[in-house]
Amino acid sequence: MRRCADVNTEYEKALGKNIRRLRMERKLSQEPAAQLQVRGCDVTRSALAKMEVGQRHIYPDELKALREIFGVPYEVLFP
């Protein structure tokens, strides 16, 4: 039985894939990382790349900022 505290890597990868898709649809390169930093999230371009492939956990404040940056509801971010 999987506990809630366990990380579901497939879910993290799917979330990252959605973030990458939104970034690519908007033809953005590293701009979301800079915009995250402006919103108080310590996210580098490298960290954003790791988020997109599911290698880095995405924190709630980062999700909120990404939703604002992309102008989408939370449902669009989640798989």
PDB file of N, CA and C in Angstrom:
ATOM      1  N   MET A   1       0.838  -1.179   0.000  1.00  0.00           N
ATOM      2  CA  MET A   1       0.000   0.000   0.000  1.00  0.00           C
ATOM      3  C   MET A   1       0.886   1.246   0.000  1.00  0.00           C
ATOM      4  N   ARG A   2       0.604   2.163  -0.891  1.00  0.00           N
ATOM      5  CA  ARG A   2       1.380   3.393  -1.008  1.00  0.00           C
ATOM      6  C   ARG A   2       0.824   4.432  -0.048  1.00  0.00           C
ATOM      7  N   ARG A   3       1.709   5.045   0.716  1.00  0.00           N
ATOM      8  CA  ARG A   3       1.295   6.109   1.634  1.00  0.00           C
ATOM      9  C   ARG A   3       1.223   7.427   0.876  1.00  0.00           C
ATOM     10  N   CYS A   4       0.440   8.363   1.366  1.00  0.00           N
ATOM     11  CA  CYS A   4       0.308   9.677   0.727  1.00  0.00           C
ATOM     12  C   CYS A   4       1.634  10.417   0.680  1.00  0.00           C
ATOM     13  N   ALA A   5       2.508  10.164   1.644  1.00  0.00           N
ATOM     14  CA  ALA A   5       3.793  10.861   1.688  1.00  0.00           C
ATOM     15  C   ALA A   5       4.754  10.358   0.610  1.00  0.00           C
ATOM     16  N   ASP A   6       4.503   9.165   0.074  1.00  0.00           N
ATOM     17  CA  ASP A   6       5.364   8.629  -0.974  1.00  0.00           C
ATOM     18  C   ASP A   6       5.191   9.445  -2.254  1.00  0.00           C
ATOM     19  N   VAL A   7       6.281   9.635  -2.951  1.00  0.00           N
ATOM     20  CA  VAL A   7       6.235  10.391  -4.195  1.00  0.00           C
ATOM     21  C   VAL A   7       5.836   9.466  -5.338  1.00  0.00           C
ATOM     22  N   ASN A   8       4.858   9.881  -6.093  1.00  0.00           N
ATOM     23  CA  ASN A   8       4.423   9.130  -7.261  1.00  0.00           C
ATOM     24  C   ASN A   8       5.170   9.711  -8.464  1.00  0.00           C
ATOM     25  N   THR A   9       6.233   9.047  -8.880  1.00  0.00           N
ATOM     26  CA  THR A   9       7.083   9.595  -9.934  1.00  0.00           C
ATOM     27  C   THR A   9       6.352   9.725 -11.266  1.00  0.00           C
ATOM     28  N   GLU A  10       5.442   8.812 -11.564  1.00  0.00           N
ATOM     29  CA  GLU A  10       4.702   8.915 -12.826  1.00  0.00           C
ATOM     30  C   GLU A  10       3.820  10.163 -12.829  1.00  0.00           C
ATOM     31  N   TYR A  11       3.226  10.458 -11.690  1.00  0.00           N
ATOM     32  CA  TYR A  11       2.382  11.654 -11.575  1.00  0.00           C
ATOM     33  C   TYR A  11       3.240  12.916 -11.704  1.00  0.00           C
ATOM     34  N   GLU A  12       4.424  12.915 -11.063  1.00  0.00           N
ATOM     35  CA  GLU A  12       5.347  14.051 -11.158  1.00  0.00           C
ATOM     36  C   GLU A  12       5.761  14.269 -12.619  1.00  0.00           C
ATOM     37  N   LYS A  13       6.030  13.180 -13.340  1.00  0.00           N
ATOM     38  CA  LYS A  13       6.422  13.292 -14.750  1.00  0.00           C
ATOM     39  C   LYS A  13       5.284  13.852 -15.587  1.00  0.00           C
ATOM     40  N   ALA A  14       4.065  13.407 -15.326  1.00  0.00           N
ATOM     41  CA  ALA A  14       2.902  13.894 -16.079  1.00  0.00           C
ATOM     42  C   ALA A  14       2.658  15.378 -15.788  1.00  0.00           C
ATOM     43  N   LEU A  15       2.817  15.790 -14.550  1.00  0.00           N
ATOM     44  CA  LEU A  15       2.677  17.200 -14.188  1.00  0.00           C
ATOM     45  C   LEU A  15       3.736  18.027 -14.902  1.00  0.00           C
ATOM     46  N   GLY A  16       4.968  17.565 -14.886  1.00  0.00           N
ATOM     47  CA  GLY A  16       6.056  18.259 -15.576  1.00  0.00           C
ATOM     48  C   GLY A  16       5.819  18.348 -17.074  1.00  0.00           C
ATOM     49  N   LYS A  17       5.284  17.275 -17.640  1.00  0.00           N
ATOM     50  CA  LYS A  17       4.982  17.265 -19.078  1.00  0.00           C
ATOM     51  C   LYS A  17       3.938  18.334 -19.415  1.00  0.00           C
ATOM     52  N   ASN A  18       2.937  18.491 -18.548  1.00  0.00           N
ATOM     53  CA  ASN A  18       1.925  19.531 -18.769  1.00  0.00           C
ATOM     54  C   ASN A  18       2.540  20.926 -18.688  1.00  0.00           C
ATOM     55  N   ILE A  19       3.451  21.120 -17.751  1.00  0.00           N
ATOM     56  CA  ILE A  19       4.115  22.419 -17.619  1.00  0.00           C
ATOM     57  C   ILE A  19       4.946  22.715 -18.865  1.00  0.00           C
ATOM     58  N   ARG A  20       5.668  21.725 -19.333  1.00  0.00           N
ATOM     59  CA  ARG A  20       6.476  21.905 -20.554  1.00  0.00           C
ATOM     60  C   ARG A  20       5.573  22.213 -21.750  1.00  0.00           C
ATOM     61  N   ARG A  21       4.465  21.498 -21.870  1.00  0.00           N
ATOM     62  CA  ARG A  21       3.543  21.723 -22.980  1.00  0.00           C
ATOM     63  C   ARG A  21       3.020  23.161 -22.960  1.00  0.00           C
ATOM     64  N   LEU A  22       2.628  23.634 -21.790  1.00  0.00           N
ATOM     65  CA  LEU A  22       2.127  25.006 -21.671  1.00  0.00           C
ATOM     66  C   LEU A  22       3.213  26.021 -22.047  1.00  0.00           C
ATOM     67  N   ARG A  23       4.437  25.753 -21.609  1.00  0.00           N
ATOM     68  CA  ARG A  23       5.550  26.656 -21.936  1.00  0.00           C
ATOM     69  C   ARG A  23       5.814  26.672 -23.442  1.00  0.00           C
ATOM     70  N   MET A  24       5.809  25.498 -24.046  1.00  0.00           N
ATOM     71  CA  MET A  24       6.080  25.400 -25.482  1.00  0.00           C
ATOM     72  C   MET A  24       4.948  26.033 -26.296  1.00  0.00           C
ATOM     73  N   GLU A  25       3.696  25.835 -25.888  1.00  0.00           N
ATOM     74  CA  GLU A  25       2.560  26.439 -26.587  1.00  0.00           C
ATOM     75  C   GLU A  25       2.664  27.961 -26.605  1.00  0.00           C
ATOM     76  N   ARG A  26       3.257  28.505 -25.558  1.00  0.00           N
ATOM     77  CA  ARG A  26       3.403  29.962 -25.456  1.00  0.00           C
ATOM     78  C   ARG A  26       4.731  30.453 -26.013  1.00  0.00           C
ATOM     79  N   LYS A  27       5.496  29.511 -26.581  1.00  0.00           N
ATOM     80  CA  LYS A  27       6.793  29.818 -27.190  1.00  0.00           C
ATOM     81  C   LYS A  27       7.728  30.541 -26.212  1.00  0.00           C
ATOM     82  N   LEU A  28       7.771  30.023 -24.988  1.00  0.00           N
ATOM     83  CA  LEU A  28       8.630  30.588 -23.949  1.00  0.00           C
ATOM     84  C   LEU A  28       9.851  29.703 -23.772  1.00  0.00           C
ATOM     85  N   SER A  29      10.991  30.320 -23.548  1.00  0.00           N
ATOM     86  CA  SER A  29      12.182  29.525 -23.267  1.00  0.00           C
ATOM     87  C   SER A  29      12.396  29.484 -21.765  1.00  0.00           C
ATOM     88  N   GLN A  30      13.231  30.335 -21.240  1.00  0.00           N
ATOM     89  CA  GLN A  30      13.506  30.326 -19.810  1.00  0.00           C
ATOM     90  C   GLN A  30      12.697  31.378 -19.053  1.00  0.00           C
ATOM     91  N   GLU A  31      11.782  32.050 -19.731  1.00  0.00           N
ATOM     92  CA  GLU A  31      11.004  33.112 -19.104  1.00  0.00           C
ATOM     93  C   GLU A  31      10.230  32.661 -17.863  1.00  0.00           C
ATOM     94  N   PRO A  32       9.593  31.483 -17.854  1.00  0.00           N
ATOM     95  CA  PRO A  32       8.875  31.083 -16.635  1.00  0.00           C
ATOM     96  C   PRO A  32       9.775  31.021 -15.409  1.00  0.00           C
ATOM     97  N   ALA A  33      11.043  30.602 -15.564  1.00  0.00           N
ATOM     98  CA  ALA A  33      11.956  30.547 -14.418  1.00  0.00           C
ATOM     99  C   ALA A  33      12.183  31.947 -13.860  1.00  0.00           C
ATOM    100  N   ALA A  34      12.392  32.913 -14.744  1.00  0.00           N
ATOM    101  CA  ALA A  34      12.594  34.293 -14.303  1.00  0.00           C
ATOM    102  C   ALA A  34      11.330  34.839 -13.637  1.00  0.00           C
ATOM    103  N   GLN A  35      10.186  34.517 -14.204  1.00  0.00           N
ATOM    104  CA  GLN A  35       8.923  34.986 -13.633  1.00  0.00           C
ATOM    105  C   GLN A  35       8.638  34.329 -12.285  1.00  0.00           C
ATOM    106  N   LEU A  36       9.061  33.079 -12.119  1.00  0.00           N
ATOM    107  CA  LEU A  36       8.920  32.416 -10.830  1.00  0.00           C
ATOM    108  C   LEU A  36       9.772  33.121  -9.781  1.00  0.00           C
ATOM    109  N   GLN A  37      10.969  33.517 -10.169  1.00  0.00           N
ATOM    110  CA  GLN A  37      11.860  34.215  -9.243  1.00  0.00           C
ATOM    111  C   GLN A  37      11.266  35.551  -8.824  1.00  0.00           C
ATOM    112  N   VAL A  38      10.668  36.263  -9.766  1.00  0.00           N
ATOM    113  CA  VAL A  38      10.030  37.542  -9.453  1.00  0.00           C
ATOM    114  C   VAL A  38       8.901  37.331  -8.443  1.00  0.00           C
ATOM    115  N   ARG A  39       8.239  36.177  -8.521  1.00  0.00           N
ATOM    116  CA  ARG A  39       7.132  35.873  -7.606  1.00  0.00           C
ATOM    117  C   ARG A  39       7.605  35.244  -6.297  1.00  0.00           C
ATOM    118  N   GLY A  40       8.905  35.258  -6.053  1.00  0.00           N
ATOM    119  CA  GLY A  40       9.441  34.781  -4.783  1.00  0.00           C
ATOM    120  C   GLY A  40       9.794  33.310  -4.728  1.00  0.00           C
ATOM    121  N   CYS A  41       9.771  32.628  -5.854  1.00  0.00           N
ATOM    122  CA  CYS A  41      10.142  31.207  -5.896  1.00  0.00           C
ATOM    123  C   CYS A  41      11.588  31.096  -6.366  1.00  0.00           C
ATOM    124  N   ASP A  42      12.409  30.411  -5.606  1.00  0.00           N
ATOM    125  CA  ASP A  42      13.818  30.258  -5.959  1.00  0.00           C
ATOM    126  C   ASP A  42      13.976  29.125  -6.972  1.00  0.00           C
ATOM    127  N   VAL A  43      13.666  29.432  -8.236  1.00  0.00           N
ATOM    128  CA  VAL A  43      13.692  28.425  -9.301  1.00  0.00           C
ATOM    129  C   VAL A  43      14.616  28.909 -10.416  1.00  0.00           C
ATOM    130  N   THR A  44      15.638  28.124 -10.684  1.00  0.00           N
ATOM    131  CA  THR A  44      16.548  28.432 -11.783  1.00  0.00           C
ATOM    132  C   THR A  44      16.027  27.799 -13.069  1.00  0.00           C
ATOM    133  N   ARG A  45      16.655  28.149 -14.171  1.00  0.00           N
ATOM    134  CA  ARG A  45      16.296  27.545 -15.454  1.00  0.00           C
ATOM    135  C   ARG A  45      16.522  26.036 -15.393  1.00  0.00           C
ATOM    136  N   SER A  46      17.606  25.634 -14.746  1.00  0.00           N
ATOM    137  CA  SER A  46      17.910  24.208 -14.592  1.00  0.00           C
ATOM    138  C   SER A  46      16.848  23.503 -13.754  1.00  0.00           C
ATOM    139  N   ALA A  47      16.394  24.155 -12.679  1.00  0.00           N
ATOM    140  CA  ALA A  47      15.354  23.565 -11.831  1.00  0.00           C
ATOM    141  C   ALA A  47      14.052  23.416 -12.606  1.00  0.00           C
ATOM    142  N   LEU A  48      13.726  24.411 -13.434  1.00  0.00           N
ATOM    143  CA  LEU A  48      12.513  24.329 -14.249  1.00  0.00           C
ATOM    144  C   LEU A  48      12.605  23.145 -15.214  1.00  0.00           C
ATOM    145  N   ALA A  49      13.781  22.961 -15.811  1.00  0.00           N
ATOM    146  CA  ALA A  49      13.979  21.828 -16.721  1.00  0.00           C
ATOM    147  C   ALA A  49      13.778  20.506 -15.978  1.00  0.00           C
ATOM    148  N   LYS A  50      14.266  20.422 -14.744  1.00  0.00           N
ATOM    149  CA  LYS A  50      14.090  19.195 -13.949  1.00  0.00           C
ATOM    150  C   LYS A  50      12.630  18.985 -13.580  1.00  0.00           C
ATOM    151  N   MET A  51      11.900  20.067 -13.307  1.00  0.00           N
ATOM    152  CA  MET A  51      10.463  19.954 -13.035  1.00  0.00           C
ATOM    153  C   MET A  51       9.756  19.346 -14.235  1.00  0.00           C
ATOM    154  N   GLU A  52      10.125  19.814 -15.421  1.00  0.00           N
ATOM    155  CA  GLU A  52       9.443  19.395 -16.642  1.00  0.00           C
ATOM    156  C   GLU A  52       9.625  17.921 -16.963  1.00  0.00           C
ATOM    157  N   VAL A  53      10.680  17.315 -16.456  1.00  0.00           N
ATOM    158  CA  VAL A  53      10.897  15.883 -16.716  1.00  0.00           C
ATOM    159  C   VAL A  53      10.646  15.025 -15.476  1.00  0.00           C
ATOM    160  N   GLY A  54      10.104  15.650 -14.425  1.00  0.00           N
ATOM    161  CA  GLY A  54       9.741  14.904 -13.231  1.00  0.00           C
ATOM    162  C   GLY A  54      10.896  14.552 -12.323  1.00  0.00           C
ATOM    163  N   GLN A  55      12.018  15.267 -12.435  1.00  0.00           N
ATOM    164  CA  GLN A  55      13.179  14.994 -11.591  1.00  0.00           C
ATOM    165  C   GLN A  55      13.254  15.910 -10.376  1.00  0.00           C
ATOM    166  N   ARG A  56      12.329  16.858 -10.282  1.00  0.00           N
ATOM    167  CA  ARG A  56      12.318  17.773  -9.139  1.00  0.00           C
ATOM    168  C   ARG A  56      10.877  17.969  -8.693  1.00  0.00           C
ATOM    169  N   HIS A  57      10.687  17.883  -7.388  1.00  0.00           N
ATOM    170  CA  HIS A  57       9.359  18.101  -6.815  1.00  0.00           C
ATOM    171  C   HIS A  57       8.920  19.546  -7.055  1.00  0.00           C
ATOM    172  N   ILE A  58       7.634  19.759  -7.285  1.00  0.00           N
ATOM    173  CA  ILE A  58       7.087  21.093  -7.489  1.00  0.00           C
ATOM    174  C   ILE A  58       6.279  21.452  -6.250  1.00  0.00           C
ATOM    175  N   TYR A  59       6.634  22.542  -5.629  1.00  0.00           N
ATOM    176  CA  TYR A  59       6.003  22.964  -4.376  1.00  0.00           C
ATOM    177  C   TYR A  59       4.749  23.789  -4.643  1.00  0.00           C
ATOM    178  N   PRO A  60       3.840  23.815  -3.660  1.00  0.00           N
ATOM    179  CA  PRO A  60       2.563  24.530  -3.848  1.00  0.00           C
ATOM    180  C   PRO A  60       2.711  25.987  -4.283  1.00  0.00           C
ATOM    181  N   ASP A  61       3.673  26.714  -3.716  1.00  0.00           N
ATOM    182  CA  ASP A  61       3.833  28.114  -4.123  1.00  0.00           C
ATOM    183  C   ASP A  61       4.297  28.219  -5.569  1.00  0.00           C
ATOM    184  N   GLU A  62       5.064  27.228  -6.028  1.00  0.00           N
ATOM    185  CA  GLU A  62       5.504  27.204  -7.423  1.00  0.00           C
ATOM    186  C   GLU A  62       4.333  26.891  -8.348  1.00  0.00           C
ATOM    187  N   LEU A  63       3.470  25.961  -7.940  1.00  0.00           N
ATOM    188  CA  LEU A  63       2.280  25.647  -8.733  1.00  0.00           C
ATOM    189  C   LEU A  63       1.391  26.880  -8.883  1.00  0.00           C
ATOM    190  N   LYS A  64       1.206  27.594  -7.795  1.00  0.00           N
ATOM    191  CA  LYS A  64       0.385  28.799  -7.823  1.00  0.00           C
ATOM    192  C   LYS A  64       0.982  29.821  -8.789  1.00  0.00           C
ATOM    193  N   ALA A  65       2.291  30.019  -8.714  1.00  0.00           N
ATOM    194  CA  ALA A  65       2.959  30.969  -9.600  1.00  0.00           C
ATOM    195  C   ALA A  65       2.884  30.518 -11.060  1.00  0.00           C
ATOM    196  N   LEU A  66       3.070  29.233 -11.321  1.00  0.00           N
ATOM    197  CA  LEU A  66       2.983  28.728 -12.695  1.00  0.00           C
ATOM    198  C   LEU A  66       1.582  28.921 -13.268  1.00  0.00           C
ATOM    199  N   ARG A  67       0.576  28.680 -12.443  1.00  0.00           N
ATOM    200  CA  ARG A  67      -0.802  28.901 -12.887  1.00  0.00           C
ATOM    201  C   ARG A  67      -0.995  30.359 -13.284  1.00  0.00           C
ATOM    202  N   GLU A  68      -0.464  31.267 -12.503  1.00  0.00           N
ATOM    203  CA  GLU A  68      -0.578  32.697 -12.811  1.00  0.00           C
ATOM    204  C   GLU A  68       0.205  33.062 -14.074  1.00  0.00           C
ATOM    205  N   ILE A  69       1.401  32.530 -14.212  1.00  0.00           N
ATOM    206  CA  ILE A  69       2.255  32.827 -15.371  1.00  0.00           C
ATOM    207  C   ILE A  69       1.588  32.360 -16.660  1.00  0.00           C
ATOM    208  N   PHE A  70       1.048  31.141 -16.637  1.00  0.00           N
ATOM    209  CA  PHE A  70       0.431  30.586 -17.840  1.00  0.00           C
ATOM    210  C   PHE A  70      -1.018  31.029 -18.024  1.00  0.00           C
ATOM    211  N   GLY A  71      -1.607  31.593 -16.986  1.00  0.00           N
ATOM    212  CA  GLY A  71      -2.983  32.073 -17.082  1.00  0.00           C
ATOM    213  C   GLY A  71      -3.992  30.952 -17.283  1.00  0.00           C
ATOM    214  N   VAL A  72      -3.789  29.857 -16.546  1.00  0.00           N
ATOM    215  CA  VAL A  72      -4.677  28.693 -16.674  1.00  0.00           C
ATOM    216  C   VAL A  72      -5.190  28.290 -15.291  1.00  0.00           C
ATOM    217  N   PRO A  73      -6.317  27.582 -15.244  1.00  0.00           N
ATOM    218  CA  PRO A  73      -6.776  27.052 -13.951  1.00  0.00           C
ATOM    219  C   PRO A  73      -5.882  25.879 -13.515  1.00  0.00           C
ATOM    220  N   TYR A  74      -5.930  25.566 -12.251  1.00  0.00           N
ATOM    221  CA  TYR A  74      -5.119  24.459 -11.734  1.00  0.00           C
ATOM    222  C   TYR A  74      -5.379  23.159 -12.483  1.00  0.00           C
ATOM    223  N   GLU A  75      -6.609  22.937 -12.904  1.00  0.00           N
ATOM    224  CA  GLU A  75      -6.964  21.687 -13.573  1.00  0.00           C
ATOM    225  C   GLU A  75      -6.136  21.455 -14.825  1.00  0.00           C
ATOM    226  N   VAL A  76      -5.696  22.510 -15.461  1.00  0.00           N
ATOM    227  CA  VAL A  76      -4.900  22.374 -16.683  1.00  0.00           C
ATOM    228  C   VAL A  76      -3.476  21.926 -16.354  1.00  0.00           C
ATOM    229  N   LEU A  77      -2.981  22.286 -15.194  1.00  0.00           N
ATOM    230  CA  LEU A  77      -1.629  21.884 -14.798  1.00  0.00           C
ATOM    231  C   LEU A  77      -1.556  20.406 -14.438  1.00  0.00           C
ATOM    232  N   PHE A  78      -2.616  19.894 -13.804  1.00  0.00           N
ATOM    233  CA  PHE A  78      -2.570  18.530 -13.299  1.00  0.00           C
ATOM    234  C   PHE A  78      -2.979  17.500 -14.338  1.00  0.00           C
ATOM    235  N   PRO A  79      -2.303  16.347 -14.303  1.00  0.00           N
ATOM    236  CA  PRO A  79      -2.640  15.277 -15.263  1.00  0.00           C
ATOM    237  C   PRO A  79      -4.006  14.660 -14.990  1.00  0.00           C
TER     238      PRO A  79
END
